[in-house]
Amino acid sequence: MPAEPVDGLDGRLIELLAAEPRIGVLEASRRLGVARGTVQARLDRLARRGIVRGYGPDVDPAALGYGVTAFVTLQIRQPGGHDPVAERLAAIPEVIEAHTITGPGDMLCRIVARSNQDLQRVIDLVVDVRGVERASTVISLATQVPYRTLPLVRQAARAAEAARRAGTPADDRQPRNGGR
């Protein structure tokens, strides 16, 4: 099922919330130049569709004292699968993400630690997880492009607006240059 596109107002609302997460619905409606009920209805729809997943704080692990970030590729024992391993990894607070992947590994984890010495402790916890056969770790030296979604929101809103003007659904538009 194709995703229902966001429009320009949805995009502007998401950008406003990203810039000022504590803004109220009334102030958002004033800034966007629409009725309060419109903003509330849009927020409800964005949440119902899973586009906006929460309004919690964006916490920086380094500010909590976890200044080392590493990525660990795991090879897991095939009998038993990914889900039990993921459940066990979720019990380790320093494992802040885990993804099933393709390629030479089976899972990719982003972990944090207080120091390189503490990183060894966390890696030891990870490799002790039942189902993990081998781990390969790389340490992040710097974050060049932080996690972001606003460029995707802007692109989706532009596509929906262009499709609306052309009278075609955004998902039916063909990519230019053969998709290159």
C-alpha atoms as a PDB file:
ATOM      1  CA  MET A   1       0.000   0.000   0.000  1.00  0.00           C
ATOM      2  CA  PRO A   2       1.544   3.343  -1.013  1.00  0.00           C
ATOM      3  CA  ALA A   3       2.174   5.888   1.694  1.00  0.00           C
ATOM      4  CA  GLU A   4      -0.220   8.789   1.839  1.00  0.00           C
ATOM      5  CA  PRO A   5       1.852  11.866   1.030  1.00  0.00           C
ATOM      6  CA  VAL A   6       2.405  14.788   3.337  1.00  0.00           C
ATOM      7  CA  ASP A   7       1.490  18.152   1.901  1.00  0.00           C
ATOM      8  CA  GLY A   8       3.074  21.576   2.313  1.00  0.00           C
ATOM      9  CA  LEU A   9       1.175  22.344   5.521  1.00  0.00           C
ATOM     10  CA  ASP A  10       2.141  18.986   7.029  1.00  0.00           C
ATOM     11  CA  GLY A  11       5.768  19.692   6.106  1.00  0.00           C
ATOM     12  CA  ARG A  12       5.718  23.181   7.629  1.00  0.00           C
ATOM     13  CA  LEU A  13       4.068  21.824  10.798  1.00  0.00           C
ATOM     14  CA  ILE A  14       6.678  19.068  11.180  1.00  0.00           C
ATOM     15  CA  GLU A  15       9.502  21.573  10.626  1.00  0.00           C
ATOM     16  CA  LEU A  16       8.020  23.904  13.231  1.00  0.00           C
ATOM     17  CA  LEU A  17       7.712  21.064  15.754  1.00  0.00           C
ATOM     18  CA  ALA A  18      11.281  19.955  15.048  1.00  0.00           C
ATOM     19  CA  ALA A  19      12.589  23.481  15.589  1.00  0.00           C
ATOM     20  CA  GLU A  20      10.411  24.185  18.627  1.00  0.00           C
ATOM     21  CA  PRO A  21       9.189  20.912  20.179  1.00  0.00           C
ATOM     22  CA  ARG A  22       7.526  22.699  23.107  1.00  0.00           C
ATOM     23  CA  ILE A  23       5.331  24.932  20.951  1.00  0.00           C
ATOM     24  CA  GLY A  24       1.621  24.667  21.690  1.00  0.00           C
ATOM     25  CA  VAL A  25      -1.100  23.981  19.174  1.00  0.00           C
ATOM     26  CA  LEU A  26      -2.472  27.526  19.453  1.00  0.00           C
ATOM     27  CA  GLU A  27       0.925  29.142  18.807  1.00  0.00           C
ATOM     28  CA  ALA A  28       1.618  26.705  15.959  1.00  0.00           C
ATOM     29  CA  SER A  29      -1.691  27.623  14.353  1.00  0.00           C
ATOM     30  CA  ARG A  30      -0.862  31.322  14.679  1.00  0.00           C
ATOM     31  CA  ARG A  31       2.573  30.866  13.098  1.00  0.00           C
ATOM     32  CA  LEU A  32       1.266  28.702  10.285  1.00  0.00           C
ATOM     33  CA  GLY A  33      -1.718  30.962   9.626  1.00  0.00           C
ATOM     34  CA  VAL A  34      -4.348  28.237  10.008  1.00  0.00           C
ATOM     35  CA  ALA A  35      -7.055  27.404  12.534  1.00  0.00           C
ATOM     36  CA  ARG A  36      -6.172  25.681  15.802  1.00  0.00           C
ATOM     37  CA  GLY A  37      -8.481  22.788  14.905  1.00  0.00           C
ATOM     38  CA  THR A  38      -6.623  22.338  11.614  1.00  0.00           C
ATOM     39  CA  VAL A  39      -3.282  22.009  13.415  1.00  0.00           C
ATOM     40  CA  GLN A  40      -4.744  19.546  15.935  1.00  0.00           C
ATOM     41  CA  ALA A  41      -6.361  17.481  13.167  1.00  0.00           C
ATOM     42  CA  ARG A  42      -3.103  17.430  11.204  1.00  0.00           C
ATOM     43  CA  LEU A  43      -1.118  16.362  14.287  1.00  0.00           C
ATOM     44  CA  ASP A  44      -3.613  13.604  15.016  1.00  0.00           C
ATOM     45  CA  ARG A  45      -3.487  12.380  11.411  1.00  0.00           C
ATOM     46  CA  LEU A  46       0.329  12.479  11.284  1.00  0.00           C
ATOM     47  CA  ALA A  47       0.489  10.475  14.515  1.00  0.00           C
ATOM     48  CA  ARG A  48      -2.181   7.982  13.378  1.00  0.00           C
ATOM     49  CA  ARG A  49      -0.257   7.400  10.118  1.00  0.00           C
ATOM     50  CA  GLY A  50       2.973   6.848  12.071  1.00  0.00           C
ATOM     51  CA  ILE A  51       4.764   9.807  10.479  1.00  0.00           C
ATOM     52  CA  VAL A  52       5.152  11.618  13.796  1.00  0.00           C
ATOM     53  CA  ARG A  53       6.057   8.949  16.345  1.00  0.00           C
ATOM     54  CA  GLY A  54       6.530  11.033  19.452  1.00  0.00           C
ATOM     55  CA  TYR A  55       7.138  14.375  21.052  1.00  0.00           C
ATOM     56  CA  GLY A  56       9.777  13.357  23.568  1.00  0.00           C
ATOM     57  CA  PRO A  57      13.109  15.043  24.110  1.00  0.00           C
ATOM     58  CA  ASP A  58      16.024  14.396  21.771  1.00  0.00           C
ATOM     59  CA  VAL A  59      18.648  13.144  24.234  1.00  0.00           C
ATOM     60  CA  ASP A  60      22.375  13.389  23.469  1.00  0.00           C
ATOM     61  CA  PRO A  61      24.223  10.363  24.901  1.00  0.00           C
ATOM     62  CA  ALA A  62      27.490  12.373  25.035  1.00  0.00           C
ATOM     63  CA  ALA A  63      25.831  14.922  27.314  1.00  0.00           C
ATOM     64  CA  LEU A  64      24.968  12.024  29.648  1.00  0.00           C
ATOM     65  CA  GLY A  65      28.618  10.998  29.751  1.00  0.00           C
ATOM     66  CA  TYR A  66      28.544   8.436  26.931  1.00  0.00           C
ATOM     67  CA  GLY A  67      31.057  10.144  24.638  1.00  0.00           C
ATOM     68  CA  VAL A  68      32.127   7.059  22.667  1.00  0.00           C
ATOM     69  CA  THR A  69      29.910   5.777  19.856  1.00  0.00           C
ATOM     70  CA  ALA A  70      30.633   2.523  18.048  1.00  0.00           C
ATOM     71  CA  PHE A  71      28.959   0.375  15.432  1.00  0.00           C
ATOM     72  CA  VAL A  72      29.049  -3.375  15.960  1.00  0.00           C
ATOM     73  CA  THR A  73      28.305  -5.854  13.205  1.00  0.00           C
ATOM     74  CA  LEU A  74      27.096  -9.141  14.651  1.00  0.00           C
ATOM     75  CA  GLN A  75      27.035 -12.579  13.184  1.00  0.00           C
ATOM     76  CA  ILE A  76      24.331 -14.575  14.867  1.00  0.00           C
ATOM     77  CA  ARG A  77      23.622 -18.284  15.064  1.00  0.00           C
ATOM     78  CA  GLN A  78      20.966 -18.972  12.443  1.00  0.00           C
ATOM     79  CA  PRO A  79      18.810 -21.395  14.445  1.00  0.00           C
ATOM     80  CA  GLY A  80      16.735 -19.208  16.733  1.00  0.00           C
ATOM     81  CA  GLY A  81      16.721 -16.148  14.495  1.00  0.00           C
ATOM     82  CA  HIS A  82      17.147 -12.439  15.009  1.00  0.00           C
ATOM     83  CA  ASP A  83      14.266 -11.672  17.357  1.00  0.00           C
ATOM     84  CA  PRO A  84      15.574 -13.469  20.474  1.00  0.00           C
ATOM     85  CA  VAL A  85      18.989 -11.853  19.980  1.00  0.00           C
ATOM     86  CA  ALA A  86      17.370  -8.431  19.555  1.00  0.00           C
ATOM     87  CA  GLU A  87      15.377  -8.943  22.761  1.00  0.00           C
ATOM     88  CA  ARG A  88      18.548  -9.764  24.681  1.00  0.00           C
ATOM     89  CA  LEU A  89      20.411  -6.817  23.170  1.00  0.00           C
ATOM     90  CA  ALA A  90      17.568  -4.508  24.211  1.00  0.00           C
ATOM     91  CA  ALA A  91      18.355  -5.389  27.830  1.00  0.00           C
ATOM     92  CA  ILE A  92      21.772  -3.678  27.482  1.00  0.00           C
ATOM     93  CA  PRO A  93      21.212   0.093  28.012  1.00  0.00           C
ATOM     94  CA  GLU A  94      24.238   1.061  25.918  1.00  0.00           C
ATOM     95  CA  VAL A  95      22.781  -0.643  22.828  1.00  0.00           C
ATOM     96  CA  ILE A  96      20.806   2.278  21.439  1.00  0.00           C
ATOM     97  CA  GLU A  97      19.895   0.762  18.054  1.00  0.00           C
ATOM     98  CA  ALA A  98      19.936  -2.658  16.417  1.00  0.00           C
ATOM     99  CA  HIS A  99      19.075  -3.434  12.805  1.00  0.00           C
ATOM    100  CA  THR A 100      18.851  -6.643  10.822  1.00  0.00           C
ATOM    101  CA  ILE A 101      21.109  -6.158   7.796  1.00  0.00           C
ATOM    102  CA  THR A 102      22.249  -7.721   4.550  1.00  0.00           C
ATOM    103  CA  GLY A 103      25.866  -8.404   3.713  1.00  0.00           C
ATOM    104  CA  PRO A 104      28.550 -10.197   5.675  1.00  0.00           C
ATOM    105  CA  GLY A 105      26.872  -9.633   9.047  1.00  0.00           C
ATOM    106  CA  ASP A 106      23.399 -10.303  10.395  1.00  0.00           C
ATOM    107  CA  MET A 107      22.781  -7.339  12.703  1.00  0.00           C
ATOM    108  CA  LEU A 108      24.224  -3.862  13.061  1.00  0.00           C
ATOM    109  CA  CYS A 109      24.135  -2.213  16.485  1.00  0.00           C
ATOM    110  CA  ARG A 110      24.922   1.326  17.498  1.00  0.00           C
ATOM    111  CA  ILE A 111      26.325   1.340  21.000  1.00  0.00           C
ATOM    112  CA  VAL A 112      27.627   4.022  23.319  1.00  0.00           C
ATOM    113  CA  ALA A 113      30.127   3.948  26.155  1.00  0.00           C
ATOM    114  CA  ARG A 114      31.741   6.334  28.618  1.00  0.00           C
ATOM    115  CA  SER A 115      35.310   5.632  27.395  1.00  0.00           C
ATOM    116  CA  ASN A 116      37.232   3.166  25.255  1.00  0.00           C
ATOM    117  CA  GLN A 117      37.750   1.036  28.353  1.00  0.00           C
ATOM    118  CA  ASP A 118      34.013   1.113  29.028  1.00  0.00           C
ATOM    119  CA  LEU A 119      33.437   0.239  25.369  1.00  0.00           C
ATOM    120  CA  GLN A 120      35.266  -3.028  25.973  1.00  0.00           C
ATOM    121  CA  ARG A 121      32.861  -3.787  28.822  1.00  0.00           C
ATOM    122  CA  VAL A 122      29.850  -3.095  26.574  1.00  0.00           C
ATOM    123  CA  ILE A 123      31.268  -5.197  23.725  1.00  0.00           C
ATOM    124  CA  ASP A 124      31.814  -8.033  26.202  1.00  0.00           C
ATOM    125  CA  LEU A 125      28.144  -7.785  27.208  1.00  0.00           C
ATOM    126  CA  VAL A 126      27.095  -7.856  23.549  1.00  0.00           C
ATOM    127  CA  VAL A 127      29.197 -10.888  22.623  1.00  0.00           C
ATOM    128  CA  ASP A 128      27.926 -12.700  25.727  1.00  0.00           C
ATOM    129  CA  VAL A 129      24.375 -12.492  24.363  1.00  0.00           C
ATOM    130  CA  ARG A 130      23.136 -15.990  23.571  1.00  0.00           C
ATOM    131  CA  GLY A 131      22.962 -16.352  19.795  1.00  0.00           C
ATOM    132  CA  VAL A 132      25.820 -13.967  18.991  1.00  0.00           C
ATOM    133  CA  GLU A 133      28.709 -15.825  17.373  1.00  0.00           C
ATOM    134  CA  ARG A 134      31.051 -13.013  16.378  1.00  0.00           C
ATOM    135  CA  ALA A 135      31.254  -9.220  16.576  1.00  0.00           C
ATOM    136  CA  SER A 136      33.212  -6.673  14.578  1.00  0.00           C
ATOM    137  CA  THR A 137      33.401  -3.148  15.992  1.00  0.00           C
ATOM    138  CA  VAL A 138      34.252   0.237  14.503  1.00  0.00           C
ATOM    139  CA  ILE A 139      34.486   3.382  16.620  1.00  0.00           C
ATOM    140  CA  SER A 140      32.927   6.583  15.358  1.00  0.00           C
ATOM    141  CA  LEU A 141      35.419   9.454  15.369  1.00  0.00           C
ATOM    142  CA  ALA A 142      32.909  12.185  14.488  1.00  0.00           C
ATOM    143  CA  THR A 143      29.314  12.518  13.339  1.00  0.00           C
ATOM    144  CA  GLN A 144      29.461  14.097   9.893  1.00  0.00           C
ATOM    145  CA  VAL A 145      25.714  13.950   9.152  1.00  0.00           C
ATOM    146  CA  PRO A 146      23.563  13.552  12.259  1.00  0.00           C
ATOM    147  CA  TYR A 147      20.329  11.556  12.180  1.00  0.00           C
ATOM    148  CA  ARG A 148      17.826  13.678  10.336  1.00  0.00           C
ATOM    149  CA  THR A 149      14.444  13.365   8.699  1.00  0.00           C
ATOM    150  CA  LEU A 150      13.502  16.933   7.771  1.00  0.00           C
ATOM    151  CA  PRO A 151      15.056  16.681   4.269  1.00  0.00           C
ATOM    152  CA  LEU A 152      12.768  13.686   3.638  1.00  0.00           C
ATOM    153  CA  VAL A 153       9.753  15.609   4.928  1.00  0.00           C
ATOM    154  CA  ARG A 154      10.576  18.560   2.646  1.00  0.00           C
ATOM    155  CA  GLN A 155      11.066  16.275  -0.358  1.00  0.00           C
ATOM    156  CA  ALA A 156       7.796  14.404   0.281  1.00  0.00           C
ATOM    157  CA  ALA A 157       5.876  17.664   0.719  1.00  0.00           C
ATOM    158  CA  ARG A 158       7.332  19.110  -2.519  1.00  0.00           C
ATOM    159  CA  ALA A 159       6.436  15.926  -4.419  1.00  0.00           C
ATOM    160  CA  ALA A 160       2.884  15.959  -3.068  1.00  0.00           C
ATOM    161  CA  GLU A 161       2.432  19.627  -3.929  1.00  0.00           C
ATOM    162  CA  ALA A 162       3.827  19.110  -7.462  1.00  0.00           C
ATOM    163  CA  ALA A 163       1.534  16.105  -7.952  1.00  0.00           C
ATOM    164  CA  ARG A 164      -1.443  18.082  -6.665  1.00  0.00           C
ATOM    165  CA  ARG A 165      -0.722  20.874  -9.142  1.00  0.00           C
ATOM    166  CA  ALA A 166      -0.318  18.332 -11.962  1.00  0.00           C
ATOM    167  CA  GLY A 167      -3.463  16.476 -10.903  1.00  0.00           C
ATOM    168  CA  THR A 168      -1.728  13.118 -10.301  1.00  0.00           C
ATOM    169  CA  PRO A 169      -1.134  11.230  -7.073  1.00  0.00           C
ATOM    170  CA  ALA A 170       2.430  11.722  -5.786  1.00  0.00           C
ATOM    171  CA  ASP A 171       3.081   7.957  -5.765  1.00  0.00           C
ATOM    172  CA  ASP A 172       2.161   7.634  -9.467  1.00  0.00           C
ATOM    173  CA  ARG A 173       4.778  10.112 -10.678  1.00  0.00           C
ATOM    174  CA  GLN A 174       7.558   8.548 -12.713  1.00  0.00           C
ATOM    175  CA  PRO A 175      11.150   9.473 -11.802  1.00  0.00           C
ATOM    176  CA  ARG A 176      12.999  11.620 -14.309  1.00  0.00           C
ATOM    177  CA  ASN A 177      16.047  10.267 -16.181  1.00  0.00           C
ATOM    178  CA  GLY A 178      15.017   6.673 -15.577  1.00  0.00           C
ATOM    179  CA  GLY A 179      15.333   7.135 -11.796  1.00  0.00           C
ATOM    180  CA  ARG A 180      19.013   8.081 -11.912  1.00  0.00           C
END
